[in-house]
């Protein structure tokens, strides 16, 4: 039941943001950038697993992942200067994510080693 509730809530939020982006892309961008997913995942994870220590590690991981994952957006920021198409910027952003993943692992081990 918990899994189904997670899917329904998540799918509804993503679908709403996608619909909203057609009418108000700035508002949709702000909504997607908010930590709504985190605010849903943390308590749902806690209720599902009942382990506060794991939920705290999850929150710390998210804290580190947010700025690191912003590497995905760098090509979009530089797209006009580098004359990148949407798909080129998207592809480069996806290629940067593994670098961000390894940076995330490094910082998690450095700052939050148990």
C-alpha atoms as a PDB file:
ATOM      1  CA  UNK A   1       0.000   0.000   0.000  1.00  0.00           C
ATOM      2  CA  UNK A   2       2.818   2.395   0.858  1.00  0.00           C
ATOM      3  CA  UNK A   3       4.483   1.840  -2.516  1.00  0.00           C
ATOM      4  CA  UNK A   4       1.224   2.533  -4.370  1.00  0.00           C
ATOM      5  CA  UNK A   5       0.717   5.731  -2.365  1.00  0.00           C
ATOM      6  CA  UNK A   6       4.286   6.818  -3.199  1.00  0.00           C
ATOM      7  CA  UNK A   7       3.661   6.219  -6.902  1.00  0.00           C
ATOM      8  CA  UNK A   8       0.349   8.084  -6.927  1.00  0.00           C
ATOM      9  CA  UNK A   9       1.713  11.126  -5.086  1.00  0.00           C
ATOM     10  CA  UNK A  10       4.899  11.289  -7.154  1.00  0.00           C
ATOM     11  CA  UNK A  11       3.158  10.766 -10.492  1.00  0.00           C
ATOM     12  CA  UNK A  12       0.555  13.401  -9.633  1.00  0.00           C
ATOM     13  CA  UNK A  13       3.207  15.962  -8.742  1.00  0.00           C
ATOM     14  CA  UNK A  14       5.254  15.314 -11.884  1.00  0.00           C
ATOM     15  CA  UNK A  15       2.171  15.354 -14.113  1.00  0.00           C
ATOM     16  CA  UNK A  16       0.946  18.599 -12.583  1.00  0.00           C
ATOM     17  CA  UNK A  17       4.349  20.279 -13.056  1.00  0.00           C
ATOM     18  CA  UNK A  18       4.481  19.088 -16.671  1.00  0.00           C
ATOM     19  CA  UNK A  19       0.989  20.446 -17.359  1.00  0.00           C
ATOM     20  CA  UNK A  20       1.784  23.717 -15.606  1.00  0.00           C
ATOM     21  CA  UNK A  21       4.951  24.197 -17.679  1.00  0.00           C
ATOM     22  CA  UNK A  22       2.808  24.686 -20.785  1.00  0.00           C
ATOM     23  CA  UNK A  23       0.999  27.644 -19.249  1.00  0.00           C
ATOM     24  CA  UNK A  24       3.459  29.054 -16.730  1.00  0.00           C
ATOM     25  CA  UNK A  25       6.980  27.685 -17.298  1.00  0.00           C
ATOM     26  CA  UNK A  26       8.523  29.979 -14.682  1.00  0.00           C
ATOM     27  CA  UNK A  27       6.089  28.844 -11.994  1.00  0.00           C
ATOM     28  CA  UNK A  28       6.546  25.194 -12.995  1.00  0.00           C
ATOM     29  CA  UNK A  29      10.327  25.610 -12.780  1.00  0.00           C
ATOM     30  CA  UNK A  30      10.031  27.057  -9.305  1.00  0.00           C
ATOM     31  CA  UNK A  31       7.698  24.252  -8.236  1.00  0.00           C
ATOM     32  CA  UNK A  32      10.038  21.565  -9.546  1.00  0.00           C
ATOM     33  CA  UNK A  33      13.036  23.221  -7.875  1.00  0.00           C
ATOM     34  CA  UNK A  34      11.334  23.205  -4.485  1.00  0.00           C
ATOM     35  CA  UNK A  35      12.233  20.328  -2.199  1.00  0.00           C
ATOM     36  CA  UNK A  36       8.733  18.880  -2.546  1.00  0.00           C
ATOM     37  CA  UNK A  37      10.048  15.473  -3.546  1.00  0.00           C
ATOM     38  CA  UNK A  38      12.396  15.502  -0.564  1.00  0.00           C
ATOM     39  CA  UNK A  39       9.584  16.574   1.737  1.00  0.00           C
ATOM     40  CA  UNK A  40       7.581  13.575   0.501  1.00  0.00           C
ATOM     41  CA  UNK A  41      10.403  11.024   0.423  1.00  0.00           C
ATOM     42  CA  UNK A  42      11.787  11.647   3.909  1.00  0.00           C
ATOM     43  CA  UNK A  43       8.627  10.914   5.921  1.00  0.00           C
ATOM     44  CA  UNK A  44       7.468   8.165   3.543  1.00  0.00           C
ATOM     45  CA  UNK A  45      10.867   6.481   3.859  1.00  0.00           C
ATOM     46  CA  UNK A  46      10.767   6.833   7.624  1.00  0.00           C
ATOM     47  CA  UNK A  47       7.251   5.375   7.857  1.00  0.00           C
ATOM     48  CA  UNK A  48       8.141   2.506   5.520  1.00  0.00           C
ATOM     49  CA  UNK A  49      11.422   1.532   7.191  1.00  0.00           C
ATOM     50  CA  UNK A  50      11.025   2.964  10.714  1.00  0.00           C
ATOM     51  CA  UNK A  51      14.714   3.791  10.955  1.00  0.00           C
ATOM     52  CA  UNK A  52      15.460   7.423  11.886  1.00  0.00           C
ATOM     53  CA  UNK A  53      19.220   6.976  11.371  1.00  0.00           C
ATOM     54  CA  UNK A  54      18.703   5.915   7.750  1.00  0.00           C
ATOM     55  CA  UNK A  55      16.307   8.808   7.173  1.00  0.00           C
ATOM     56  CA  UNK A  56      18.903  11.255   8.495  1.00  0.00           C
ATOM     57  CA  UNK A  57      21.587   9.780   6.221  1.00  0.00           C
ATOM     58  CA  UNK A  58      19.113  10.090   3.338  1.00  0.00           C
ATOM     59  CA  UNK A  59      18.569  13.785   4.168  1.00  0.00           C
ATOM     60  CA  UNK A  60      22.337  14.383   4.323  1.00  0.00           C
ATOM     61  CA  UNK A  61      22.780  12.640   0.999  1.00  0.00           C
ATOM     62  CA  UNK A  62      20.127  14.858  -0.556  1.00  0.00           C
ATOM     63  CA  UNK A  63      21.818  17.945   0.898  1.00  0.00           C
ATOM     64  CA  UNK A  64      25.055  17.034  -0.883  1.00  0.00           C
ATOM     65  CA  UNK A  65      23.336  15.821  -4.056  1.00  0.00           C
ATOM     66  CA  UNK A  66      21.384  19.001  -4.744  1.00  0.00           C
ATOM     67  CA  UNK A  67      24.308  21.313  -5.556  1.00  0.00           C
ATOM     68  CA  UNK A  68      26.253  18.494  -7.221  1.00  0.00           C
ATOM     69  CA  UNK A  69      23.299  17.564  -9.446  1.00  0.00           C
ATOM     70  CA  UNK A  70      23.117  21.149 -10.703  1.00  0.00           C
ATOM     71  CA  UNK A  71      25.985  20.230 -13.055  1.00  0.00           C
ATOM     72  CA  UNK A  72      23.210  18.909 -15.306  1.00  0.00           C
ATOM     73  CA  UNK A  73      22.045  22.487 -15.910  1.00  0.00           C
ATOM     74  CA  UNK A  74      25.446  23.968 -16.783  1.00  0.00           C
ATOM     75  CA  UNK A  75      25.170  23.242 -20.526  1.00  0.00           C
ATOM     76  CA  UNK A  76      21.757  24.917 -20.612  1.00  0.00           C
ATOM     77  CA  UNK A  77      23.202  27.962 -18.890  1.00  0.00           C
ATOM     78  CA  UNK A  78      25.994  28.113 -21.461  1.00  0.00           C
ATOM     79  CA  UNK A  79      23.929  27.006 -24.474  1.00  0.00           C
ATOM     80  CA  UNK A  80      23.732  30.443 -26.119  1.00  0.00           C
ATOM     81  CA  UNK A  81      27.435  31.130 -25.675  1.00  0.00           C
ATOM     82  CA  UNK A  82      28.424  27.650 -26.923  1.00  0.00           C
ATOM     83  CA  UNK A  83      25.664  27.589 -29.574  1.00  0.00           C
ATOM     84  CA  UNK A  84      24.238  24.324 -28.288  1.00  0.00           C
ATOM     85  CA  UNK A  85      20.898  22.957 -29.377  1.00  0.00           C
ATOM     86  CA  UNK A  86      18.482  21.689 -26.752  1.00  0.00           C
ATOM     87  CA  UNK A  87      19.475  18.068 -27.341  1.00  0.00           C
ATOM     88  CA  UNK A  88      23.181  18.839 -27.264  1.00  0.00           C
ATOM     89  CA  UNK A  89      22.786  20.655 -23.943  1.00  0.00           C
ATOM     90  CA  UNK A  90      20.626  17.814 -22.644  1.00  0.00           C
ATOM     91  CA  UNK A  91      23.148  15.184 -23.706  1.00  0.00           C
ATOM     92  CA  UNK A  92      26.090  17.043 -22.189  1.00  0.00           C
ATOM     93  CA  UNK A  93      24.088  17.561 -18.997  1.00  0.00           C
ATOM     94  CA  UNK A  94      23.400  13.826 -18.814  1.00  0.00           C
ATOM     95  CA  UNK A  95      27.094  13.121 -19.439  1.00  0.00           C
ATOM     96  CA  UNK A  96      28.012  15.415 -16.525  1.00  0.00           C
ATOM     97  CA  UNK A  97      25.787  13.539 -14.065  1.00  0.00           C
ATOM     98  CA  UNK A  98      28.193  10.597 -13.544  1.00  0.00           C
ATOM     99  CA  UNK A  99      30.876  13.132 -12.590  1.00  0.00           C
ATOM    100  CA  UNK A 100      28.392  14.594 -10.123  1.00  0.00           C
ATOM    101  CA  UNK A 101      27.652  11.122  -8.763  1.00  0.00           C
ATOM    102  CA  UNK A 102      31.320  10.483  -7.988  1.00  0.00           C
ATOM    103  CA  UNK A 103      31.639  13.952  -6.439  1.00  0.00           C
ATOM    104  CA  UNK A 104      28.599  13.112  -4.283  1.00  0.00           C
ATOM    105  CA  UNK A 105      30.197   9.856  -3.125  1.00  0.00           C
ATOM    106  CA  UNK A 106      33.433  11.665  -2.320  1.00  0.00           C
ATOM    107  CA  UNK A 107      31.733  14.371  -0.234  1.00  0.00           C
ATOM    108  CA  UNK A 108      29.482  11.884   1.547  1.00  0.00           C
ATOM    109  CA  UNK A 109      32.521   9.879   2.619  1.00  0.00           C
ATOM    110  CA  UNK A 110      34.496  12.996   3.517  1.00  0.00           C
ATOM    111  CA  UNK A 111      31.869  14.840   5.549  1.00  0.00           C
ATOM    112  CA  UNK A 112      29.452  12.217   6.781  1.00  0.00           C
ATOM    113  CA  UNK A 113      31.517   9.107   7.332  1.00  0.00           C
ATOM    114  CA  UNK A 114      30.065   7.107  10.164  1.00  0.00           C
END
